[in-house]
Amino acid sequence: MTEAPRVPVGSALTGWRKSSYSGGGDDQGGDSCVEIIDTHPSGIPVRDSKTPDAPALLLPAAAWSAFVGALKRNPAETAAR
């Protein structure tokens, strides 16, 4: 398996949004958020909101869609892993 290309500095990109699967408040894991950019021309950048200046992963759009689809089909199973 090859490693996904990295965006050099996640904070250099604009348009980040928190995943709809992230918790809303501190009691729901609101500090543990995944952020993505929907409009990047080369794929879907993904980063941890706790470390916005760290490198982000740049995933192919098809891989991101497959990942989100798996979460929607089996939310309890994927949460248990």
Protein backbone atom coordinates (compact mmCIF):
# COMPACT_ATOMS: atom_id res chain seq x y z
CA MET A 1 0.00 0.00 0.00
CA THR A 2 1.38 3.41 -0.91
CA GLU A 3 1.25 6.35 1.44
CA ALA A 4 -1.17 9.19 0.60
CA PRO A 5 0.56 12.38 -0.56
CA ARG A 6 0.83 15.06 2.13
CA VAL A 7 -0.15 18.69 1.89
CA PRO A 8 3.03 20.40 3.17
CA VAL A 9 1.31 22.68 5.71
CA GLY A 10 -2.41 22.26 6.32
CA SER A 11 -2.83 25.82 7.58
CA ALA A 12 -1.59 27.17 4.23
CA LEU A 13 -4.84 26.00 2.63
CA THR A 14 -8.19 27.74 3.03
CA GLY A 15 -11.72 26.40 3.10
CA TRP A 16 -11.37 23.80 5.87
CA ARG A 17 -14.62 22.54 7.41
CA LYS A 18 -15.23 20.15 10.27
CA SER A 19 -16.61 16.75 9.45
CA SER A 20 -20.32 16.31 10.16
CA TYR A 21 -19.33 13.15 12.06
CA SER A 22 -17.30 15.14 14.62
CA GLY A 23 -18.87 15.74 18.04
CA GLY A 24 -20.43 19.10 18.75
CA GLY A 25 -19.39 19.75 22.34
CA ASP A 26 -16.67 18.68 24.72
CA ASP A 27 -18.91 15.94 26.15
CA GLN A 28 -19.34 14.54 22.64
CA GLY A 29 -15.69 14.59 21.63
CA GLY A 30 -15.88 18.07 20.10
CA ASP A 31 -12.13 18.48 20.50
CA SER A 32 -11.51 15.43 18.29
CA CYS A 33 -12.39 16.73 14.86
CA VAL A 34 -11.44 15.82 11.36
CA GLU A 35 -11.43 18.71 8.89
CA ILE A 36 -11.58 18.48 5.11
CA ILE A 37 -11.63 20.74 2.06
CA ASP A 38 -14.26 19.81 -0.51
CA THR A 39 -12.97 22.01 -3.33
CA HIS A 40 -9.26 21.18 -3.63
CA PRO A 41 -8.40 20.40 -7.27
CA SER A 42 -6.12 17.43 -6.50
CA GLY A 43 -8.26 15.46 -4.05
CA ILE A 44 -9.60 15.76 -0.50
CA PRO A 45 -7.18 17.23 2.05
CA VAL A 46 -7.81 15.81 5.55
CA ARG A 47 -6.32 17.10 8.81
CA ASP A 48 -6.71 16.84 12.58
CA SER A 49 -8.21 20.10 13.86
CA LYS A 50 -6.04 19.90 17.00
CA THR A 51 -2.90 20.31 14.87
CA PRO A 52 -3.82 22.69 12.02
CA ASP A 53 -0.17 23.55 11.27
CA ALA A 54 0.82 19.90 10.84
CA PRO A 55 0.90 18.19 7.45
CA ALA A 56 -2.44 17.02 6.11
CA LEU A 57 -3.21 13.98 4.00
CA LEU A 58 -4.36 14.46 0.43
CA LEU A 59 -6.70 11.59 -0.43
CA PRO A 60 -8.05 10.76 -3.88
CA ALA A 61 -11.72 11.77 -4.07
CA ALA A 62 -12.78 8.16 -4.77
CA ALA A 63 -10.99 6.93 -1.63
CA TRP A 64 -12.66 9.60 0.51
CA SER A 65 -16.08 8.73 -0.94
CA ALA A 66 -15.53 5.04 -0.21
CA PHE A 67 -14.48 5.83 3.38
CA VAL A 68 -17.52 8.05 4.04
CA GLY A 69 -19.79 5.47 2.40
CA ALA A 70 -18.47 2.75 4.70
CA LEU A 71 -19.13 4.97 7.74
CA LYS A 72 -22.69 5.62 6.61
CA ARG A 73 -23.41 1.94 5.95
CA ASN A 74 -21.90 0.60 9.18
CA PRO A 75 -21.51 3.40 11.74
CA ALA A 76 -21.49 1.12 14.81
CA GLU A 77 -18.99 -1.31 13.30
CA THR A 78 -16.53 1.39 12.24
CA ALA A 79 -16.80 3.19 15.61
CA ALA A 80 -15.86 0.00 17.46
CA ARG A 81 -12.52 -0.35 15.65
